[in-house]
């Protein structure tokens, strides 16, 4: 047996960029979708116990509001593809003409 030591060069595996990754694969989308489902299933019992039957239409209304929010964020992301940082980055860009202190 030879006495050779393996070396690991991280620059070959992880490209060094100053930008956030803007892509995902099917597994990332699956985990994000599953986390929302688990959250709703975990909340149903507590909501029914606290609010009774009113919790079911409330879940429908809140889900509709979430769908509208997701579509709105998708439109903002398509309109400003160079912005990254989620929801807070869009109002910052919108209020920037009034000054950066007011935008923050």
N, C-alpha and C. Protein backbone atom coordinates (compact mmCIF):
# COMPACT_ATOMS: atom_id res chain seq x y z
N UNK A 1 0.84 -1.17 0.00
CA UNK A 1 0.00 0.00 0.00
C UNK A 1 0.88 1.24 0.00
N UNK A 2 0.44 2.21 -0.77
CA UNK A 2 1.20 3.45 -0.80
C UNK A 2 0.64 4.43 0.22
N UNK A 3 1.47 5.33 0.66
CA UNK A 3 1.08 6.31 1.67
C UNK A 3 0.73 7.63 0.97
N UNK A 4 -0.46 7.67 0.36
CA UNK A 4 -0.89 8.87 -0.34
C UNK A 4 -2.06 9.49 0.42
N UNK A 5 -2.04 10.79 0.52
CA UNK A 5 -3.10 11.51 1.20
C UNK A 5 -3.97 12.21 0.17
N UNK A 6 -5.28 12.03 0.27
CA UNK A 6 -6.20 12.69 -0.66
C UNK A 6 -6.41 14.13 -0.22
N UNK A 7 -6.41 15.02 -1.17
CA UNK A 7 -6.66 16.42 -0.87
C UNK A 7 -8.01 16.80 -1.45
N UNK A 8 -8.66 17.73 -0.81
CA UNK A 8 -9.98 18.17 -1.23
C UNK A 8 -9.91 19.63 -1.62
N UNK A 9 -10.32 19.93 -2.83
CA UNK A 9 -10.33 21.30 -3.31
C UNK A 9 -11.78 21.77 -3.44
N UNK A 10 -12.23 22.63 -2.52
CA UNK A 10 -13.62 23.09 -2.50
C UNK A 10 -13.96 23.98 -3.69
N UNK A 11 -12.96 24.59 -4.30
CA UNK A 11 -13.25 25.47 -5.43
C UNK A 11 -13.77 24.68 -6.64
N UNK A 12 -13.50 23.38 -6.69
CA UNK A 12 -14.01 22.57 -7.78
C UNK A 12 -15.48 22.21 -7.57
N UNK A 13 -15.93 22.18 -6.33
CA UNK A 13 -17.29 21.76 -6.03
C UNK A 13 -18.24 22.95 -5.93
N UNK A 14 -17.85 23.98 -5.22
CA UNK A 14 -18.71 25.12 -4.97
C UNK A 14 -18.16 26.32 -5.73
N UNK A 15 -18.87 26.78 -6.75
CA UNK A 15 -18.38 27.97 -7.45
C UNK A 15 -18.52 29.19 -6.56
N UNK A 16 -17.51 30.03 -6.58
CA UNK A 16 -17.56 31.23 -5.72
C UNK A 16 -18.21 32.36 -6.49
N UNK A 17 -19.42 32.71 -6.09
CA UNK A 17 -20.13 33.85 -6.67
C UNK A 17 -20.70 34.67 -5.53
N UNK A 18 -21.02 35.89 -5.81
CA UNK A 18 -21.61 36.77 -4.81
C UNK A 18 -23.12 36.87 -4.94
N UNK A 19 -23.74 35.97 -5.70
CA UNK A 19 -25.18 36.01 -5.91
C UNK A 19 -25.84 34.81 -5.25
N UNK A 20 -27.10 35.00 -4.90
CA UNK A 20 -27.88 33.88 -4.38
C UNK A 20 -28.29 32.97 -5.54
N UNK A 21 -28.40 31.70 -5.25
CA UNK A 21 -28.86 30.77 -6.27
C UNK A 21 -30.34 31.02 -6.55
N UNK A 22 -30.70 31.07 -7.82
CA UNK A 22 -32.08 31.34 -8.20
C UNK A 22 -32.73 30.12 -8.83
N UNK A 23 -32.29 28.96 -8.44
CA UNK A 23 -32.87 27.75 -9.01
C UNK A 23 -33.05 26.69 -7.93
N UNK A 24 -33.87 25.74 -8.23
CA UNK A 24 -34.07 24.60 -7.34
C UNK A 24 -34.43 23.40 -8.20
N UNK A 25 -34.45 22.25 -7.59
CA UNK A 25 -34.84 21.05 -8.32
C UNK A 25 -36.18 20.56 -7.78
N UNK A 26 -36.61 19.40 -8.22
CA UNK A 26 -37.91 18.89 -7.80
C UNK A 26 -37.94 18.61 -6.30
N UNK A 27 -36.81 18.25 -5.72
CA UNK A 27 -36.79 17.92 -4.30
C UNK A 27 -37.02 19.17 -3.44
N UNK A 28 -36.45 20.28 -3.82
CA UNK A 28 -36.66 21.53 -3.09
C UNK A 28 -38.12 21.97 -3.13
N UNK A 29 -38.74 21.87 -4.31
CA UNK A 29 -40.16 22.22 -4.43
C UNK A 29 -41.02 21.26 -3.63
N UNK A 30 -40.66 19.98 -3.61
CA UNK A 30 -41.42 18.98 -2.85
C UNK A 30 -41.36 19.27 -1.35
N UNK A 31 -40.19 19.59 -0.85
CA UNK A 31 -40.03 19.86 0.58
C UNK A 31 -40.79 21.13 0.98
N UNK A 32 -40.74 22.16 0.16
CA UNK A 32 -41.47 23.38 0.47
C UNK A 32 -42.97 23.12 0.46
N UNK A 33 -43.47 22.39 -0.52
CA UNK A 33 -44.89 22.06 -0.57
C UNK A 33 -45.32 21.18 0.58
N UNK A 34 -44.48 20.23 0.96
CA UNK A 34 -44.81 19.33 2.05
C UNK A 34 -44.82 20.06 3.39
N UNK A 35 -43.97 21.04 3.56
CA UNK A 35 -43.94 21.77 4.83
C UNK A 35 -45.24 22.55 5.04
N UNK A 36 -45.80 23.12 3.99
CA UNK A 36 -47.09 23.80 4.11
C UNK A 36 -48.20 22.83 4.47
N UNK A 37 -48.19 21.65 3.88
CA UNK A 37 -49.21 20.64 4.18
C UNK A 37 -49.11 20.18 5.62
N UNK A 38 -47.92 19.95 6.09
CA UNK A 38 -47.74 19.53 7.48
C UNK A 38 -48.17 20.62 8.45
N UNK A 39 -47.90 21.87 8.09
CA UNK A 39 -48.33 22.98 8.95
C UNK A 39 -49.84 23.04 9.07
N UNK A 40 -50.55 22.90 7.95
CA UNK A 40 -52.01 22.95 7.99
C UNK A 40 -52.57 21.78 8.78
N UNK A 41 -52.05 20.59 8.55
CA UNK A 41 -52.54 19.41 9.28
C UNK A 41 -52.28 19.56 10.78
N UNK A 42 -51.17 20.14 11.14
CA UNK A 42 -50.87 20.33 12.56
C UNK A 42 -51.74 21.40 13.21
N UNK A 43 -52.23 22.36 12.43
CA UNK A 43 -53.04 23.44 12.99
C UNK A 43 -54.53 23.13 13.04
N UNK A 44 -54.99 22.18 12.25
CA UNK A 44 -56.43 21.93 12.14
C UNK A 44 -57.05 21.59 13.49
N UNK A 45 -56.43 20.71 14.24
CA UNK A 45 -56.99 20.31 15.54
C UNK A 45 -57.10 21.47 16.51
N UNK A 46 -56.07 22.27 16.60
CA UNK A 46 -56.10 23.41 17.52
C UNK A 46 -57.12 24.46 17.06
N UNK A 47 -57.21 24.68 15.75
CA UNK A 47 -58.15 25.68 15.23
C UNK A 47 -59.59 25.23 15.47
N UNK A 48 -59.89 23.98 15.23
CA UNK A 48 -61.26 23.48 15.46
C UNK A 48 -61.60 23.53 16.94
N UNK A 49 -60.65 23.22 17.77
CA UNK A 49 -60.90 23.27 19.21
C UNK A 49 -61.15 24.70 19.68
N UNK A 50 -60.42 25.66 19.14
CA UNK A 50 -60.56 27.04 19.60
C UNK A 50 -61.73 27.77 18.93
N UNK A 51 -61.94 27.54 17.63
CA UNK A 51 -62.93 28.32 16.89
C UNK A 51 -64.17 27.52 16.49
N UNK A 52 -64.11 26.24 16.62
CA UNK A 52 -65.25 25.41 16.24
C UNK A 52 -65.37 25.31 14.73
N UNK A 53 -66.61 25.26 14.25
CA UNK A 53 -66.86 25.10 12.82
C UNK A 53 -66.45 26.30 11.99
N UNK A 54 -66.31 27.46 12.61
CA UNK A 54 -65.89 28.66 11.88
C UNK A 54 -64.47 28.53 11.34
N UNK A 55 -63.70 27.60 11.88
CA UNK A 55 -62.31 27.48 11.43
C UNK A 55 -62.20 26.96 9.99
N UNK A 56 -63.18 26.18 9.53
CA UNK A 56 -63.11 25.63 8.17
C UNK A 56 -63.22 26.75 7.12
N UNK A 57 -64.27 27.62 7.16
CA UNK A 57 -64.28 28.71 6.18
C UNK A 57 -63.11 29.68 6.36
N UNK A 58 -62.63 29.80 7.59
CA UNK A 58 -61.48 30.66 7.83
C UNK A 58 -60.24 30.12 7.12
N UNK A 59 -60.04 28.81 7.15
CA UNK A 59 -58.93 28.20 6.42
C UNK A 59 -59.06 28.46 4.92
N UNK A 60 -60.28 28.38 4.39
CA UNK A 60 -60.49 28.62 2.96
C UNK A 60 -60.14 30.07 2.60
N UNK A 61 -60.58 31.02 3.41
CA UNK A 61 -60.29 32.43 3.15
C UNK A 61 -58.79 32.70 3.24
N UNK A 62 -58.14 32.19 4.26
CA UNK A 62 -56.70 32.41 4.42
C UNK A 62 -55.92 31.76 3.29
N UNK A 63 -56.35 30.59 2.83
CA UNK A 63 -55.68 29.93 1.70
C UNK A 63 -55.84 30.76 0.44
N UNK A 64 -57.02 31.33 0.22
CA UNK A 64 -57.23 32.20 -0.94
C UNK A 64 -56.34 33.42 -0.90
N UNK A 65 -56.21 34.01 0.29
CA UNK A 65 -55.31 35.15 0.44
C UNK A 65 -53.86 34.76 0.15
N UNK A 66 -53.47 33.56 0.57
CA UNK A 66 -52.12 33.08 0.29
C UNK A 66 -51.87 32.88 -1.19
N UNK A 67 -52.88 32.39 -1.91
CA UNK A 67 -52.75 32.21 -3.36
C UNK A 67 -52.57 33.57 -4.04
N UNK A 68 -53.37 34.54 -3.64
CA UNK A 68 -53.24 35.90 -4.22
C UNK A 68 -51.86 36.47 -3.92
N UNK A 69 -51.35 36.26 -2.70
CA UNK A 69 -50.02 36.75 -2.34
C UNK A 69 -48.95 36.07 -3.19
N UNK A 70 -49.07 34.77 -3.41
CA UNK A 70 -48.07 34.05 -4.23
C UNK A 70 -48.08 34.55 -5.67
N UNK A 71 -49.28 34.77 -6.23
CA UNK A 71 -49.35 35.30 -7.60
C UNK A 71 -48.76 36.71 -7.67
N UNK A 72 -49.01 37.52 -6.67
CA UNK A 72 -48.45 38.87 -6.64
C UNK A 72 -46.93 38.85 -6.56
N UNK A 73 -46.40 37.98 -5.72
CA UNK A 73 -44.94 37.87 -5.61
C UNK A 73 -44.34 37.33 -6.90
N UNK A 74 -45.04 36.44 -7.58
CA UNK A 74 -44.54 35.92 -8.86
C UNK A 74 -44.47 37.04 -9.90
N UNK A 75 -45.48 37.92 -9.91
CA UNK A 75 -45.46 39.05 -10.84
C UNK A 75 -44.32 40.02 -10.51
N UNK A 76 -44.11 40.28 -9.22
CA UNK A 76 -43.01 41.16 -8.83
C UNK A 76 -41.66 40.55 -9.19
N UNK A 77 -41.52 39.24 -8.99
CA UNK A 77 -40.26 38.58 -9.33
C UNK A 77 -40.01 38.60 -10.83
N UNK A 78 -41.08 38.51 -11.62
CA UNK A 78 -40.92 38.57 -13.08
C UNK A 78 -40.61 40.00 -13.53
N UNK A 79 -41.16 40.99 -12.84
CA UNK A 79 -40.92 42.39 -13.21
C UNK A 79 -39.54 42.86 -12.80
N UNK A 80 -39.01 42.33 -11.68
CA UNK A 80 -37.69 42.74 -11.18
C UNK A 80 -36.82 41.50 -10.97
N UNK A 81 -36.33 40.89 -12.05
CA UNK A 81 -35.55 39.65 -11.89
C UNK A 81 -34.19 39.85 -11.22
N UNK A 82 -33.69 41.09 -11.20
CA UNK A 82 -32.38 41.33 -10.59
C UNK A 82 -32.47 41.47 -9.07
N UNK A 83 -33.66 41.62 -8.50
CA UNK A 83 -33.83 41.77 -7.06
C UNK A 83 -33.93 40.38 -6.43
N UNK A 84 -33.20 40.17 -5.37
CA UNK A 84 -33.33 38.94 -4.62
C UNK A 84 -33.29 39.29 -3.14
N UNK A 85 -33.99 38.55 -2.34
CA UNK A 85 -34.10 38.85 -0.92
C UNK A 85 -35.53 38.75 -0.45
N UNK A 86 -36.41 38.32 -1.35
CA UNK A 86 -37.79 38.09 -0.96
C UNK A 86 -38.64 39.34 -0.93
N UNK A 87 -39.71 39.25 -0.17
CA UNK A 87 -40.71 40.31 -0.12
C UNK A 87 -40.14 41.67 0.30
N UNK A 88 -39.23 41.79 1.26
CA UNK A 88 -38.76 43.12 1.66
C UNK A 88 -37.98 43.86 0.57
N UNK A 89 -37.43 43.17 -0.39
CA UNK A 89 -36.63 43.84 -1.41
C UNK A 89 -37.49 44.64 -2.39
N UNK A 90 -38.76 44.24 -2.60
CA UNK A 90 -39.61 44.94 -3.56
C UNK A 90 -40.10 46.30 -3.04
N UNK A 91 -40.61 46.41 -1.81
CA UNK A 91 -40.97 47.75 -1.33
C UNK A 91 -39.75 48.67 -1.21
N UNK A 92 -38.60 48.12 -0.87
CA UNK A 92 -37.39 48.94 -0.79
C UNK A 92 -37.11 49.60 -2.12
N UNK A 93 -37.22 48.83 -3.20
CA UNK A 93 -36.98 49.38 -4.54
C UNK A 93 -38.06 50.39 -4.92
N UNK A 94 -39.28 50.15 -4.48
CA UNK A 94 -40.39 51.04 -4.81
C UNK A 94 -40.26 52.38 -4.11
N UNK A 95 -39.88 52.39 -2.84
CA UNK A 95 -39.79 53.63 -2.07
C UNK A 95 -38.41 54.28 -2.15
N UNK A 96 -37.51 53.74 -2.93
CA UNK A 96 -36.16 54.29 -3.05
C UNK A 96 -36.13 55.74 -3.56
N UNK A 97 -37.04 56.15 -4.48
CA UNK A 97 -37.00 57.56 -4.93
C UNK A 97 -37.27 58.55 -3.79
N UNK A 98 -37.90 58.14 -2.73
CA UNK A 98 -38.16 59.05 -1.59
C UNK A 98 -36.98 59.12 -0.64
N UNK A 99 -35.93 58.36 -0.91
CA UNK A 99 -34.75 58.36 -0.06
C UNK A 99 -34.52 56.99 0.54
N UNK A 100 -33.26 56.63 0.69
CA UNK A 100 -32.96 55.30 1.22
C UNK A 100 -33.35 55.14 2.68
N UNK A 101 -33.32 56.23 3.45
CA UNK A 101 -33.71 56.09 4.86
C UNK A 101 -35.20 55.80 4.97
N UNK A 102 -36.02 56.42 4.14
CA UNK A 102 -37.46 56.15 4.18
C UNK A 102 -37.76 54.77 3.59
N UNK A 103 -36.99 54.34 2.61
CA UNK A 103 -37.20 53.02 2.00
C UNK A 103 -36.88 51.90 2.99
N UNK A 104 -35.90 52.14 3.85
CA UNK A 104 -35.57 51.11 4.84
C UNK A 104 -36.65 51.02 5.86
